[in-house]
Protein backbone atom coordinates (compact mmCIF):
# COMPACT_ATOMS: atom_id res chain seq x y z
CA UNK A 1 -22.95 127.00 69.97
CA UNK A 2 -25.76 128.27 67.55
CA UNK A 3 -24.67 126.41 64.57
CA UNK A 4 -24.04 123.10 66.04
CA UNK A 5 -22.71 120.30 64.12
CA UNK A 6 -25.89 118.31 64.31
CA UNK A 7 -27.86 121.26 63.07
CA UNK A 8 -25.42 121.96 60.14
CA UNK A 9 -25.45 118.47 59.08
CA UNK A 10 -29.58 118.63 59.20
CA UNK A 11 -29.34 121.99 57.20
CA UNK A 12 -27.13 120.47 54.39
CA UNK A 13 -29.20 117.28 54.47
CA UNK A 14 -31.40 116.62 51.21
CA UNK A 15 -34.78 118.34 51.87
CA UNK A 16 -37.58 115.65 52.63
CA UNK A 17 -41.29 116.49 52.47
CA UNK A 18 -42.69 115.43 55.86
CA UNK A 19 -45.03 112.22 55.93
CA UNK A 20 -48.60 113.09 57.19
CA UNK A 21 -49.95 110.44 59.58
CA UNK A 22 -53.53 109.21 59.80
CA UNK A 23 -53.97 111.89 62.57
CA UNK A 24 -53.25 114.59 60.14
CA UNK A 25 -50.07 115.44 62.18
CA UNK A 26 -46.53 114.90 60.70
CA UNK A 27 -44.43 111.82 61.37
CA UNK A 28 -42.46 111.81 64.43
CA UNK A 29 -39.05 112.33 62.66
CA UNK A 30 -40.36 115.39 60.84
CA UNK A 31 -41.79 116.72 64.14
CA UNK A 32 -38.30 116.13 65.79
CA UNK A 33 -36.40 117.90 62.93
CA UNK A 34 -38.86 120.79 63.21
CA UNK A 35 -38.30 121.11 66.80
CA UNK A 36 -34.49 121.29 66.11
CA UNK A 37 -34.70 123.99 63.64
CA UNK A 38 -36.98 125.99 65.98
CA UNK A 39 -34.58 125.79 68.81
CA UNK A 40 -31.88 126.96 66.51
CA UNK A 41 -34.09 129.73 65.17
CA UNK A 42 -34.70 130.99 68.65
CA UNK A 43 -31.14 131.00 69.45
CA UNK A 44 -30.27 133.14 66.30
CA UNK A 45 -33.38 135.27 67.50
CA UNK A 46 -31.79 135.95 70.61
CA UNK A 47 -28.52 136.58 69.18
CA UNK A 48 -30.25 139.27 66.91
CA UNK A 49 -29.22 137.23 63.73
CA UNK A 50 -32.57 137.70 62.08
CA UNK A 51 -31.88 136.65 58.49
CA UNK A 52 -30.30 133.40 59.80
CA UNK A 53 -33.39 132.99 62.07
CA UNK A 54 -35.60 133.27 59.03
CA UNK A 55 -33.97 130.51 57.33
CA UNK A 56 -33.92 128.17 60.31
CA UNK A 57 -37.56 128.83 61.33
CA UNK A 58 -38.78 128.52 57.71
CA UNK A 59 -37.06 124.96 57.64
CA UNK A 60 -38.98 124.37 60.96
CA UNK A 61 -42.39 125.15 59.46
CA UNK A 62 -41.60 123.17 56.25
CA UNK A 63 -41.01 120.08 58.45
CA UNK A 64 -44.09 120.76 60.69
CA UNK A 65 -46.65 123.19 59.21
CA UNK A 66 -48.67 122.92 62.50
CA UNK A 67 -45.81 123.98 64.78
CA UNK A 68 -47.29 127.21 65.80
CA UNK A 69 -44.49 128.33 67.99
CA UNK A 70 -42.41 128.44 64.87
CA UNK A 71 -44.55 130.28 62.87
CA UNK A 72 -44.75 132.86 65.56
CA UNK A 73 -40.82 133.03 65.90
CA UNK A 74 -40.88 133.48 62.07
CA UNK A 75 -43.22 136.46 62.65
CA UNK A 76 -40.81 138.00 65.32
CA UNK A 77 -37.72 137.62 62.77
CA UNK A 78 -39.70 139.42 60.20
CA UNK A 79 -40.71 142.12 62.56
CA UNK A 80 -37.11 142.94 63.42
CA UNK A 81 -36.09 142.97 59.74
CA UNK A 82 -39.20 145.26 59.22
CA UNK A 83 -40.85 142.87 56.83
CA UNK A 84 -44.28 143.59 58.31
CA UNK A 85 -46.31 142.01 55.71
CA UNK A 86 -44.47 138.82 55.98
CA UNK A 87 -44.75 139.14 59.75
CA UNK A 88 -48.35 139.36 59.46
CA UNK A 89 -48.69 136.28 57.28
CA UNK A 90 -46.31 134.16 59.74
CA UNK A 91 -48.80 135.37 62.55
CA UNK A 92 -51.88 134.45 60.63
CA UNK A 93 -50.26 131.13 60.00
CA UNK A 94 -49.44 130.69 63.57
CA UNK A 95 -53.26 131.13 64.25
CA UNK A 96 -54.34 128.70 61.54
CA UNK A 97 -51.82 126.13 62.89
CA UNK A 98 -53.64 126.24 66.39
CA UNK A 99 -57.02 126.39 64.68
CA UNK A 100 -56.04 123.21 62.60
CA UNK A 101 -54.67 121.51 65.78
CA UNK A 102 -57.97 122.38 67.49
CA UNK A 103 -60.00 120.62 64.74
CA UNK A 104 -57.66 117.50 64.75
CA UNK A 105 -57.89 117.38 68.57
CA UNK A 106 -61.64 116.43 68.28
CA UNK A 107 -60.86 112.96 66.74
CA UNK A 108 -57.13 112.64 67.74
CA UNK A 109 -56.84 114.04 71.15
CA UNK A 110 -53.73 112.13 72.47
CA UNK A 111 -51.58 113.04 69.18
CA UNK A 112 -52.62 116.65 69.29
CA UNK A 113 -52.22 116.96 73.13
CA UNK A 114 -48.63 115.40 72.63
CA UNK A 115 -47.73 118.14 70.07
CA UNK A 116 -48.99 120.97 72.23
CA UNK A 117 -47.06 119.65 75.26
CA UNK A 118 -43.92 119.67 73.13
CA UNK A 119 -44.60 123.31 72.37
CA UNK A 120 -45.63 124.34 76.05
CA UNK A 121 -42.29 122.59 77.19
CA UNK A 122 -40.31 124.69 74.76
CA UNK A 123 -41.96 127.90 75.83
CA UNK A 124 -41.32 126.94 79.65
CA UNK A 125 -37.52 126.43 78.82
CA UNK A 126 -37.62 129.79 77.01
CA UNK A 127 -39.31 131.45 79.83
CA UNK A 128 -36.87 130.20 82.49
CA UNK A 129 -33.96 130.48 80.34
CA UNK A 130 -34.39 133.88 78.71
CA UNK A 131 -32.06 136.85 79.74
CA UNK A 132 -34.21 139.25 77.70
CA UNK A 133 -36.13 142.30 78.99
CA UNK A 134 -39.19 142.23 81.21
CA UNK A 135 -41.67 142.66 78.49
CA UNK A 136 -40.15 140.17 76.52
CA UNK A 137 -40.58 137.68 79.50
CA UNK A 138 -44.12 138.91 79.99
CA UNK A 139 -44.92 138.05 76.29
CA UNK A 140 -43.30 134.63 76.63
CA UNK A 141 -45.59 134.03 79.72
CA UNK A 142 -48.51 135.13 77.85
CA UNK A 143 -47.92 132.80 74.90
CA UNK A 144 -47.40 129.96 77.41
CA UNK A 145 -50.78 130.87 79.03
CA UNK A 146 -52.30 130.89 75.50
CA UNK A 147 -51.09 127.47 74.66
CA UNK A 148 -52.06 126.04 78.14
CA UNK A 149 -55.70 127.38 77.30
CA UNK A 150 -55.71 125.84 73.94
CA UNK A 151 -54.90 122.61 75.48
CA UNK A 152 -57.87 122.68 77.98
CA UNK A 153 -60.22 123.77 75.11
CA UNK A 154 -60.63 120.87 73.12
CA UNK A 155 -64.23 120.53 73.38
CA UNK A 156 -65.15 124.26 72.73
CA UNK A 157 -64.97 126.57 69.76
CA UNK A 158 -61.72 127.69 68.77
CA UNK A 159 -60.48 131.29 69.77
CA UNK A 160 -57.28 132.62 68.65
CA UNK A 161 -54.88 133.28 71.36
CA UNK A 162 -54.56 136.89 72.49
CA UNK A 163 -50.99 137.11 72.38
CA UNK A 164 -51.04 136.19 68.68
CA UNK A 165 -53.81 138.47 68.02
CA UNK A 166 -51.74 141.24 69.53
CA UNK A 167 -48.66 140.34 67.42
CA UNK A 168 -50.86 140.15 64.29
CA UNK A 169 -52.34 143.52 64.98
CA UNK A 170 -48.90 145.22 65.58
CA UNK A 171 -47.64 143.61 62.05
CA UNK A 172 -50.58 145.20 60.40
CA UNK A 173 -50.08 148.65 62.16
CA UNK A 174 -46.43 148.63 61.24
CA UNK A 175 -47.61 147.82 57.54
CA UNK A 176 -49.96 150.83 57.41
CA UNK A 177 -53.20 148.52 57.99
CA UNK A 178 -54.69 150.57 60.70
CA UNK A 179 -58.24 149.03 60.53
CA UNK A 180 -56.86 145.55 60.61
CA UNK A 181 -54.66 146.42 63.75
CA UNK A 182 -57.56 147.76 65.51
CA UNK A 183 -59.76 144.78 64.72
CA UNK A 184 -56.98 142.36 66.03
CA UNK A 185 -56.29 144.45 69.22
CA UNK A 186 -60.02 144.42 69.85
CA UNK A 187 -60.45 140.60 69.37
CA UNK A 188 -57.17 140.18 71.90
CA UNK A 189 -59.03 142.12 74.65
CA UNK A 190 -62.19 140.14 73.90
CA UNK A 191 -60.27 137.03 74.53
CA UNK A 192 -58.24 138.50 77.56
CA UNK A 193 -60.12 141.60 78.97
CA UNK A 194 -56.98 142.15 81.27
CA UNK A 195 -54.55 142.22 78.36
CA UNK A 196 -52.99 145.73 79.40
CA UNK A 197 -50.74 145.95 76.28
CA UNK A 198 -53.72 145.46 73.84
CA UNK A 199 -55.60 148.09 75.63
CA UNK A 200 -52.59 150.31 75.38
CA UNK A 201 -52.33 149.94 71.66
CA UNK A 202 -55.98 150.47 71.10
CA UNK A 203 -55.65 153.82 73.06
CA UNK A 204 -52.83 154.83 70.57
CA UNK A 205 -55.12 154.13 67.74
CA UNK A 206 -57.98 155.94 69.17
CA UNK A 207 -55.87 159.02 69.83
CA UNK A 208 -54.45 158.98 66.23
CA UNK A 209 -57.98 158.97 65.02
CA UNK A 210 -59.48 161.45 67.04
CA UNK A 211 -61.63 159.37 69.47
CA UNK A 212 -60.17 160.76 72.50
CA UNK A 213 -62.66 159.68 75.10
CA UNK A 214 -62.22 156.01 73.96
CA UNK A 215 -58.39 156.63 73.96
CA UNK A 216 -58.52 157.85 77.63
CA UNK A 217 -60.83 154.67 78.60
CA UNK A 218 -58.37 152.19 76.92
CA UNK A 219 -55.32 153.78 78.55
CA UNK A 220 -56.86 153.52 82.03
CA UNK A 221 -57.84 149.83 81.31
CA UNK A 222 -53.98 149.46 80.14
CA UNK A 223 -52.69 150.70 83.47
CA UNK A 224 -55.43 149.02 85.62
CA UNK A 225 -53.95 145.89 84.24
CA UNK A 226 -50.49 146.54 84.84
CA UNK A 227 -49.09 148.05 81.75
CA UNK A 228 -46.85 150.92 82.09
CA UNK A 229 -48.28 153.48 79.65
CA UNK A 230 -45.59 155.79 77.97
CA UNK A 231 -45.57 159.12 79.92
CA UNK A 232 -45.16 160.93 76.49
CA UNK A 233 -48.42 159.37 75.26
CA UNK A 234 -50.31 160.66 78.22
CA UNK A 235 -49.00 164.01 77.77
CA UNK A 236 -50.05 163.96 74.04
CA UNK A 237 -53.55 162.60 74.75
CA UNK A 238 -53.85 165.41 77.49
CA UNK A 239 -52.75 168.06 74.98
CA UNK A 240 -55.14 166.69 72.39
CA UNK A 241 -58.12 166.76 74.78
CA UNK A 242 -57.45 170.45 75.70
CA UNK A 243 -57.22 171.55 72.09
CA UNK A 244 -60.34 169.76 71.28
CA UNK A 245 -62.25 171.57 74.11
CA UNK A 246 -61.08 175.05 72.91
CA UNK A 247 -62.41 174.27 69.27
């Protein structure tokens, strides 16, 4: 049951600001509450109760501002509500949470790794338990790989996860910020050159802005890396290429 008695009691409890420990992370009680709100938010997302999901996920990030998967889930809820500017902010907050965890990991590796492990376990649970479409599962698996890569990159420079860059680009594109979308999708393929969906999205932008040769190159890379390109897009691109040759 989505609104469990335990969650309902937590929801009605007097709000308390999380306690920040010496490590820079929230205390264990706040983190536990954040995970409870996150799980409820994910259930609400799956049930397509997006307004309720926003409430639960906002409470999650209030309890633990560095819980990146909650910020990301909030972005998903806003996308479904077509609140694209809010979605972009949530995706940026998710990236910033990971950036902050990376910085804290330089001096508090054990505590940071424990938090990352919690997030990875949650994504594994979602990956194995979801009954969503295949694209949703692919995205969950990509998020899982991104988090696992973050766990092994403590000593190096921080790189935003490709999946979060893709999501941020999508929110910006839907919000009419084409240049920002392109920049983030380019960054996504720099992080993961085999990210077919990001190549496909770049192909769309390139076609829309008249860069037809680049659009075809990106479409080829998308298909090479396992992404099924929309047949209508292929047809539209061919038509535009033919029209350009006759001009």
